[in-house]
Amino acid sequence: MTSDGSPYSRSQRAIRAGNLPLIHAAAAELGWVALRDALAMMIVIDDRDEDRFEAAAVRWAGRLALEVPDLELAEMAGGIESLHALPDENAQRSLLELPYRAVRPRGLRSPSTPGRRSQRPGPRRP
């Protein structure tokens, strides 16, 4: 860890500052970003890089469907409607309610954990 703090704290500072290059760098370092934090990042993208917003919103909606186990169709529809209404403050408030029920999908590894046995450090076979 550097004197700048953890990747998570750097991502939070980058979000507050609205600094997209730092947001992307911190997100890459984190490997996995919680749905609520991804929403904050997407709101910055909407504000700073409209050309990338639609793809980010579609990815976020897909994650919402996957990570909120008891999500109802009406909630999903309302979430998509709110995404379309951004940067409206009411839409932001509505979207902020949805990630609280999200759970991290199983099977995701931390970026520091190699996935294949051949990538893991250890004794070599002859």
N, C-alpha and C. Protein backbone atom coordinates (compact mmCIF):
# COMPACT_ATOMS: atom_id res chain seq x y z
N MET A 1 0.84 -1.17 0.00
CA MET A 1 0.00 0.00 0.00
C MET A 1 0.89 1.24 0.00
N THR A 2 0.56 2.20 -0.81
CA THR A 2 1.34 3.43 -0.87
C THR A 2 0.82 4.42 0.15
N SER A 3 1.48 5.56 0.18
CA SER A 3 1.02 6.60 1.10
C SER A 3 -0.32 7.18 0.67
N ASP A 4 -0.75 6.86 -0.56
CA ASP A 4 -2.05 7.33 -1.05
C ASP A 4 -3.20 6.51 -0.50
N GLY A 5 -2.90 5.41 0.19
CA GLY A 5 -3.94 4.57 0.76
C GLY A 5 -4.21 3.36 -0.10
N SER A 6 -5.26 2.66 0.26
CA SER A 6 -5.63 1.44 -0.45
C SER A 6 -6.26 1.78 -1.80
N PRO A 7 -6.33 0.79 -2.69
CA PRO A 7 -7.01 1.03 -3.97
C PRO A 7 -8.45 1.51 -3.75
N TYR A 8 -9.12 0.95 -2.72
CA TYR A 8 -10.50 1.37 -2.46
C TYR A 8 -10.56 2.85 -2.06
N SER A 9 -9.69 3.28 -1.17
CA SER A 9 -9.73 4.69 -0.76
C SER A 9 -9.36 5.60 -1.93
N ARG A 10 -8.44 5.16 -2.79
CA ARG A 10 -8.11 5.96 -3.98
C ARG A 10 -9.32 6.04 -4.92
N SER A 11 -10.06 4.93 -5.04
CA SER A 11 -11.24 4.96 -5.92
C SER A 11 -12.29 5.92 -5.38
N GLN A 12 -12.46 5.93 -4.06
CA GLN A 12 -13.45 6.84 -3.46
C GLN A 12 -13.06 8.30 -3.65
N ARG A 13 -11.77 8.59 -3.50
CA ARG A 13 -11.30 9.97 -3.73
C ARG A 13 -11.48 10.36 -5.20
N ALA A 14 -11.19 9.43 -6.10
CA ALA A 14 -11.34 9.71 -7.53
C ALA A 14 -12.80 9.96 -7.88
N ILE A 15 -13.72 9.21 -7.26
CA ILE A 15 -15.15 9.42 -7.50
C ILE A 15 -15.55 10.81 -7.01
N ARG A 16 -15.15 11.14 -5.78
CA ARG A 16 -15.50 12.47 -5.24
C ARG A 16 -14.94 13.60 -6.10
N ALA A 17 -13.75 13.39 -6.67
CA ALA A 17 -13.13 14.42 -7.51
C ALA A 17 -13.66 14.40 -8.94
N GLY A 18 -14.36 13.33 -9.30
CA GLY A 18 -14.87 13.21 -10.67
C GLY A 18 -13.76 12.97 -11.68
N ASN A 19 -12.68 12.32 -11.25
CA ASN A 19 -11.51 12.10 -12.10
C ASN A 19 -11.60 10.72 -12.75
N LEU A 20 -12.06 10.69 -14.00
CA LEU A 20 -12.28 9.42 -14.69
C LEU A 20 -11.01 8.59 -14.87
N PRO A 21 -9.88 9.18 -15.28
CA PRO A 21 -8.69 8.34 -15.42
C PRO A 21 -8.30 7.66 -14.10
N LEU A 22 -8.40 8.38 -12.99
CA LEU A 22 -8.08 7.77 -11.70
C LEU A 22 -9.12 6.75 -11.28
N ILE A 23 -10.38 6.99 -11.62
CA ILE A 23 -11.44 6.02 -11.33
C ILE A 23 -11.15 4.71 -12.06
N HIS A 24 -10.82 4.80 -13.34
CA HIS A 24 -10.53 3.59 -14.12
C HIS A 24 -9.30 2.87 -13.58
N ALA A 25 -8.28 3.61 -13.22
CA ALA A 25 -7.06 2.98 -12.69
C ALA A 25 -7.35 2.28 -11.37
N ALA A 26 -8.07 2.93 -10.49
CA ALA A 26 -8.37 2.33 -9.19
C ALA A 26 -9.29 1.12 -9.36
N ALA A 27 -10.26 1.20 -10.26
CA ALA A 27 -11.17 0.08 -10.50
C ALA A 27 -10.40 -1.13 -11.05
N ALA A 28 -9.45 -0.87 -11.93
CA ALA A 28 -8.64 -1.96 -12.47
C ALA A 28 -7.80 -2.60 -11.37
N GLU A 29 -7.30 -1.80 -10.48
CA GLU A 29 -6.49 -2.32 -9.38
C GLU A 29 -7.34 -3.12 -8.40
N LEU A 30 -8.58 -2.68 -8.19
CA LEU A 30 -9.47 -3.40 -7.29
C LEU A 30 -9.87 -4.76 -7.85
N GLY A 31 -10.08 -4.83 -9.13
CA GLY A 31 -10.50 -6.07 -9.74
C GLY A 31 -12.00 -6.28 -9.71
N TRP A 32 -12.62 -6.09 -8.57
CA TRP A 32 -14.07 -6.18 -8.44
C TRP A 32 -14.55 -4.94 -7.70
N VAL A 33 -15.61 -4.33 -8.20
CA VAL A 33 -16.16 -3.11 -7.63
C VAL A 33 -17.58 -3.40 -7.19
N ALA A 34 -17.90 -3.06 -5.96
CA ALA A 34 -19.26 -3.25 -5.45
C ALA A 34 -20.25 -2.48 -6.32
N LEU A 35 -21.46 -3.00 -6.41
CA LEU A 35 -22.48 -2.41 -7.27
C LEU A 35 -22.76 -0.95 -6.92
N ARG A 36 -22.78 -0.63 -5.63
CA ARG A 36 -23.01 0.76 -5.21
C ARG A 36 -21.90 1.67 -5.69
N ASP A 37 -20.65 1.21 -5.58
CA ASP A 37 -19.52 2.01 -6.06
C ASP A 37 -19.52 2.11 -7.57
N ALA A 38 -19.93 1.04 -8.25
CA ALA A 38 -20.04 1.08 -9.71
C ALA A 38 -21.08 2.12 -10.15
N LEU A 39 -22.15 2.26 -9.37
CA LEU A 39 -23.15 3.28 -9.66
C LEU A 39 -22.55 4.67 -9.54
N ALA A 40 -21.78 4.90 -8.49
CA ALA A 40 -21.14 6.21 -8.31
C ALA A 40 -20.19 6.50 -9.48
N MET A 41 -19.46 5.49 -9.91
CA MET A 41 -18.55 5.65 -11.04
C MET A 41 -19.33 5.96 -12.31
N MET A 42 -20.46 5.29 -12.49
CA MET A 42 -21.28 5.50 -13.68
C MET A 42 -21.86 6.92 -13.71
N ILE A 43 -22.21 7.45 -12.55
CA ILE A 43 -22.73 8.82 -12.49
C ILE A 43 -21.65 9.81 -12.92
N VAL A 44 -20.41 9.54 -12.52
CA VAL A 44 -19.31 10.40 -12.98
C VAL A 44 -19.13 10.26 -14.48
N ILE A 45 -19.23 9.04 -15.00
CA ILE A 45 -19.13 8.84 -16.45
C ILE A 45 -20.21 9.62 -17.17
N ASP A 46 -21.43 9.61 -16.64
CA ASP A 46 -22.54 10.37 -17.24
C ASP A 46 -22.21 11.86 -17.28
N ASP A 47 -21.56 12.33 -16.24
CA ASP A 47 -21.22 13.76 -16.16
C ASP A 47 -20.03 14.13 -17.04
N ARG A 48 -19.05 13.22 -17.16
CA ARG A 48 -17.77 13.58 -17.80
C ARG A 48 -17.54 12.97 -19.17
N ASP A 49 -18.24 11.90 -19.52
CA ASP A 49 -17.96 11.19 -20.77
C ASP A 49 -19.25 10.55 -21.29
N GLU A 50 -20.14 11.39 -21.80
CA GLU A 50 -21.46 10.91 -22.22
C GLU A 50 -21.40 9.80 -23.26
N ASP A 51 -20.34 9.79 -24.08
CA ASP A 51 -20.23 8.76 -25.11
C ASP A 51 -20.10 7.36 -24.51
N ARG A 52 -19.56 7.25 -23.32
CA ARG A 52 -19.37 5.95 -22.68
C ARG A 52 -20.50 5.60 -21.71
N PHE A 53 -21.41 6.55 -21.48
CA PHE A 53 -22.44 6.34 -20.46
C PHE A 53 -23.37 5.19 -20.78
N GLU A 54 -23.86 5.11 -22.01
CA GLU A 54 -24.86 4.08 -22.32
C GLU A 54 -24.31 2.67 -22.07
N ALA A 55 -23.10 2.39 -22.52
CA ALA A 55 -22.51 1.07 -22.31
C ALA A 55 -22.33 0.81 -20.81
N ALA A 56 -21.90 1.83 -20.06
CA ALA A 56 -21.73 1.67 -18.61
C ALA A 56 -23.07 1.40 -17.94
N ALA A 57 -24.13 2.08 -18.38
CA ALA A 57 -25.45 1.90 -17.79
C ALA A 57 -25.99 0.50 -18.08
N VAL A 58 -25.78 0.01 -19.28
CA VAL A 58 -26.24 -1.34 -19.62
C VAL A 58 -25.49 -2.38 -18.78
N ARG A 59 -24.18 -2.21 -18.63
CA ARG A 59 -23.41 -3.14 -17.79
C ARG A 59 -23.91 -3.10 -16.35
N TRP A 60 -24.17 -1.90 -15.84
CA TRP A 60 -24.64 -1.77 -14.46
C TRP A 60 -26.00 -2.45 -14.29
N ALA A 61 -26.89 -2.25 -15.25
CA ALA A 61 -28.21 -2.89 -15.18
C ALA A 61 -28.07 -4.41 -15.20
N GLY A 62 -27.17 -4.92 -16.00
CA GLY A 62 -26.93 -6.36 -16.03
C GLY A 62 -26.41 -6.87 -14.70
N ARG A 63 -25.49 -6.13 -14.10
CA ARG A 63 -25.00 -6.51 -12.78
C ARG A 63 -26.12 -6.45 -11.74
N LEU A 64 -26.97 -5.46 -11.84
CA LEU A 64 -28.10 -5.35 -10.92
C LEU A 64 -28.95 -6.61 -10.99
N ALA A 65 -29.25 -7.05 -12.20
CA ALA A 65 -30.07 -8.26 -12.37
C ALA A 65 -29.38 -9.49 -11.80
N LEU A 66 -28.07 -9.56 -11.90
CA LEU A 66 -27.33 -10.72 -11.42
C LEU A 66 -27.05 -10.70 -9.93
N GLU A 67 -26.84 -9.52 -9.37
CA GLU A 67 -26.34 -9.42 -8.00
C GLU A 67 -27.41 -9.16 -6.95
N VAL A 68 -28.63 -8.83 -7.35
CA VAL A 68 -29.72 -8.66 -6.39
C VAL A 68 -30.64 -9.85 -6.55
N PRO A 69 -30.49 -10.83 -5.67
CA PRO A 69 -31.18 -12.10 -5.87
C PRO A 69 -32.70 -12.02 -5.89
N ASP A 70 -33.30 -11.14 -5.13
CA ASP A 70 -34.76 -11.08 -5.07
C ASP A 70 -35.33 -9.90 -5.86
N LEU A 71 -34.58 -9.43 -6.84
CA LEU A 71 -35.03 -8.29 -7.66
C LEU A 71 -36.29 -8.66 -8.43
N GLU A 72 -37.26 -7.81 -8.36
CA GLU A 72 -38.51 -8.03 -9.10
C GLU A 72 -38.45 -7.29 -10.43
N LEU A 73 -39.24 -7.76 -11.37
CA LEU A 73 -39.26 -7.17 -12.71
C LEU A 73 -39.60 -5.68 -12.65
N ALA A 74 -40.55 -5.31 -11.81
CA ALA A 74 -40.94 -3.90 -11.70
C ALA A 74 -39.76 -3.06 -11.18
N GLU A 75 -38.99 -3.62 -10.25
CA GLU A 75 -37.81 -2.89 -9.75
C GLU A 75 -36.77 -2.73 -10.85
N MET A 76 -36.57 -3.77 -11.63
CA MET A 76 -35.61 -3.70 -12.73
C MET A 76 -36.06 -2.65 -13.74
N ALA A 77 -37.33 -2.66 -14.06
CA ALA A 77 -37.87 -1.67 -15.01
C ALA A 77 -37.70 -0.26 -14.45
N GLY A 78 -37.98 -0.08 -13.16
CA GLY A 78 -37.80 1.23 -12.54
C GLY A 78 -36.34 1.65 -12.53
N GLY A 79 -35.44 0.68 -12.32
CA GLY A 79 -34.02 0.98 -12.34
C GLY A 79 -33.57 1.44 -13.71
N ILE A 80 -34.04 0.77 -14.74
CA ILE A 80 -33.68 1.15 -16.10
C ILE A 80 -34.25 2.53 -16.44
N GLU A 81 -35.47 2.78 -16.01
CA GLU A 81 -36.07 4.09 -16.22
C GLU A 81 -35.25 5.17 -15.51
N SER A 82 -34.80 4.88 -14.31
CA SER A 82 -33.98 5.85 -13.57
C SER A 82 -32.62 6.06 -14.23
N LEU A 83 -32.04 4.99 -14.76
CA LEU A 83 -30.77 5.14 -15.50
C LEU A 83 -30.96 6.09 -16.67
N HIS A 84 -32.08 5.92 -17.36
CA HIS A 84 -32.37 6.76 -18.52
C HIS A 84 -32.59 8.22 -18.12
N ALA A 85 -33.07 8.45 -16.89
CA ALA A 85 -33.38 9.80 -16.42
C ALA A 85 -32.17 10.52 -15.82
N LEU A 86 -31.04 9.81 -15.62
CA LEU A 86 -29.87 10.47 -15.04
C LEU A 86 -29.46 11.66 -15.89
N PRO A 87 -28.98 12.71 -15.28
CA PRO A 87 -28.48 12.91 -13.93
C PRO A 87 -29.51 13.45 -12.94
N ASP A 88 -30.77 13.29 -13.23
CA ASP A 88 -31.82 13.75 -12.34
C ASP A 88 -31.61 13.25 -10.92
N GLU A 89 -31.73 14.13 -9.94
CA GLU A 89 -31.49 13.76 -8.53
C GLU A 89 -32.46 12.70 -8.03
N ASN A 90 -33.72 12.76 -8.44
CA ASN A 90 -34.69 11.74 -8.03
C ASN A 90 -34.29 10.38 -8.59
N ALA A 91 -33.80 10.36 -9.82
CA ALA A 91 -33.34 9.11 -10.42
C ALA A 91 -32.14 8.56 -9.65
N GLN A 92 -31.23 9.44 -9.26
CA GLN A 92 -30.06 9.00 -8.48
C GLN A 92 -30.50 8.40 -7.15
N ARG A 93 -31.43 9.05 -6.47
CA ARG A 93 -31.91 8.53 -5.18
C ARG A 93 -32.57 7.17 -5.36
N SER A 94 -33.35 7.04 -6.41
CA SER A 94 -34.02 5.78 -6.68
C SER A 94 -33.01 4.66 -6.94
N LEU A 95 -31.98 4.96 -7.73
CA LEU A 95 -30.96 3.97 -8.04
C LEU A 95 -30.14 3.58 -6.81
N LEU A 96 -29.90 4.52 -5.93
CA LEU A 96 -29.09 4.25 -4.74
C LEU A 96 -29.75 3.25 -3.80
N GLU A 97 -31.06 3.08 -3.90
CA GLU A 97 -31.76 2.10 -3.06
C GLU A 97 -31.52 0.66 -3.51
N LEU A 98 -31.26 0.46 -4.78
CA LEU A 98 -31.19 -0.89 -5.33
C LEU A 98 -29.95 -1.69 -4.93
N PRO A 99 -28.75 -1.11 -4.90
CA PRO A 99 -27.57 -1.95 -4.61
C PRO A 99 -27.45 -2.45 -3.18
N TYR A 100 -28.25 -1.95 -2.25
CA TYR A 100 -28.13 -2.39 -0.87
C TYR A 100 -28.39 -3.88 -0.69
N ARG A 101 -29.17 -4.45 -1.59
CA ARG A 101 -29.49 -5.88 -1.49
C ARG A 101 -28.55 -6.75 -2.34
N ALA A 102 -27.60 -6.12 -2.98
CA ALA A 102 -26.69 -6.85 -3.87
C ALA A 102 -25.75 -7.74 -3.07
N VAL A 103 -25.43 -8.87 -3.65
CA VAL A 103 -24.44 -9.78 -3.07
C VAL A 103 -23.38 -10.06 -4.12
N ARG A 104 -22.16 -10.19 -3.64
CA ARG A 104 -21.06 -10.47 -4.56
C ARG A 104 -21.27 -11.86 -5.17
N PRO A 105 -21.21 -11.95 -6.49
CA PRO A 105 -21.41 -13.26 -7.14
C PRO A 105 -20.35 -14.26 -6.70
N ARG A 106 -20.77 -15.50 -6.56
CA ARG A 106 -19.83 -16.57 -6.19
C ARG A 106 -18.85 -16.80 -7.33
N GLY A 107 -17.70 -17.31 -6.94
CA GLY A 107 -16.73 -17.68 -7.95
C GLY A 107 -15.81 -16.57 -8.38
N LEU A 108 -16.04 -15.36 -7.90
CA LEU A 108 -15.13 -14.28 -8.26
C LEU A 108 -13.89 -14.34 -7.39
N ARG A 109 -12.76 -14.26 -8.04
CA ARG A 109 -11.50 -14.27 -7.32
C ARG A 109 -11.02 -12.84 -7.13
N SER A 110 -10.24 -12.64 -6.09
CA SER A 110 -9.59 -11.34 -5.93
C SER A 110 -8.51 -11.26 -6.99
N PRO A 111 -8.12 -10.05 -7.42
CA PRO A 111 -7.15 -9.95 -8.50
C PRO A 111 -5.79 -10.52 -8.12
N SER A 112 -5.50 -10.69 -6.86
CA SER A 112 -4.20 -11.20 -6.45
C SER A 112 -4.16 -12.72 -6.35
N THR A 113 -5.31 -13.37 -6.57
CA THR A 113 -5.37 -14.83 -6.48
C THR A 113 -5.37 -15.42 -7.87
N PRO A 114 -4.28 -16.04 -8.28
CA PRO A 114 -4.25 -16.64 -9.61
C PRO A 114 -5.33 -17.71 -9.75
N GLY A 115 -5.87 -17.84 -10.94
CA GLY A 115 -6.97 -18.75 -11.15
C GLY A 115 -6.57 -20.16 -11.48
N ARG A 116 -5.51 -20.34 -12.25
CA ARG A 116 -5.12 -21.69 -12.65
C ARG A 116 -4.00 -22.18 -11.76
N ARG A 117 -4.01 -23.47 -11.55
CA ARG A 117 -3.00 -24.10 -10.70
C ARG A 117 -1.60 -23.80 -11.23
N SER A 118 -1.44 -23.74 -12.54
CA SER A 118 -0.13 -23.49 -13.14
C SER A 118 0.38 -22.09 -12.84
N GLN A 119 -0.51 -21.19 -12.44
CA GLN A 119 -0.11 -19.81 -12.13
C GLN A 119 0.23 -19.63 -10.65
N ARG A 120 -0.10 -20.60 -9.83
CA ARG A 120 0.14 -20.47 -8.41
C ARG A 120 1.60 -20.71 -8.08
N PRO A 121 2.14 -19.94 -7.17
CA PRO A 121 3.51 -20.20 -6.78
C PRO A 121 3.60 -21.50 -6.01
N GLY A 122 4.71 -22.15 -6.10
CA GLY A 122 4.89 -23.39 -5.37
C GLY A 122 5.97 -24.22 -6.01
N PRO A 123 6.18 -25.41 -5.48
CA PRO A 123 7.24 -26.25 -6.01
C PRO A 123 6.92 -26.66 -7.46
N ARG A 124 7.97 -26.72 -8.23
CA ARG A 124 7.82 -27.16 -9.62
C ARG A 124 7.91 -28.67 -9.70
N ARG A 125 7.16 -29.20 -10.60
CA ARG A 125 7.22 -30.65 -10.84
C ARG A 125 8.34 -30.93 -11.84
N PRO A 126 9.02 -32.05 -11.66
CA PRO A 126 10.10 -32.39 -12.63
C PRO A 126 9.55 -32.75 -13.98
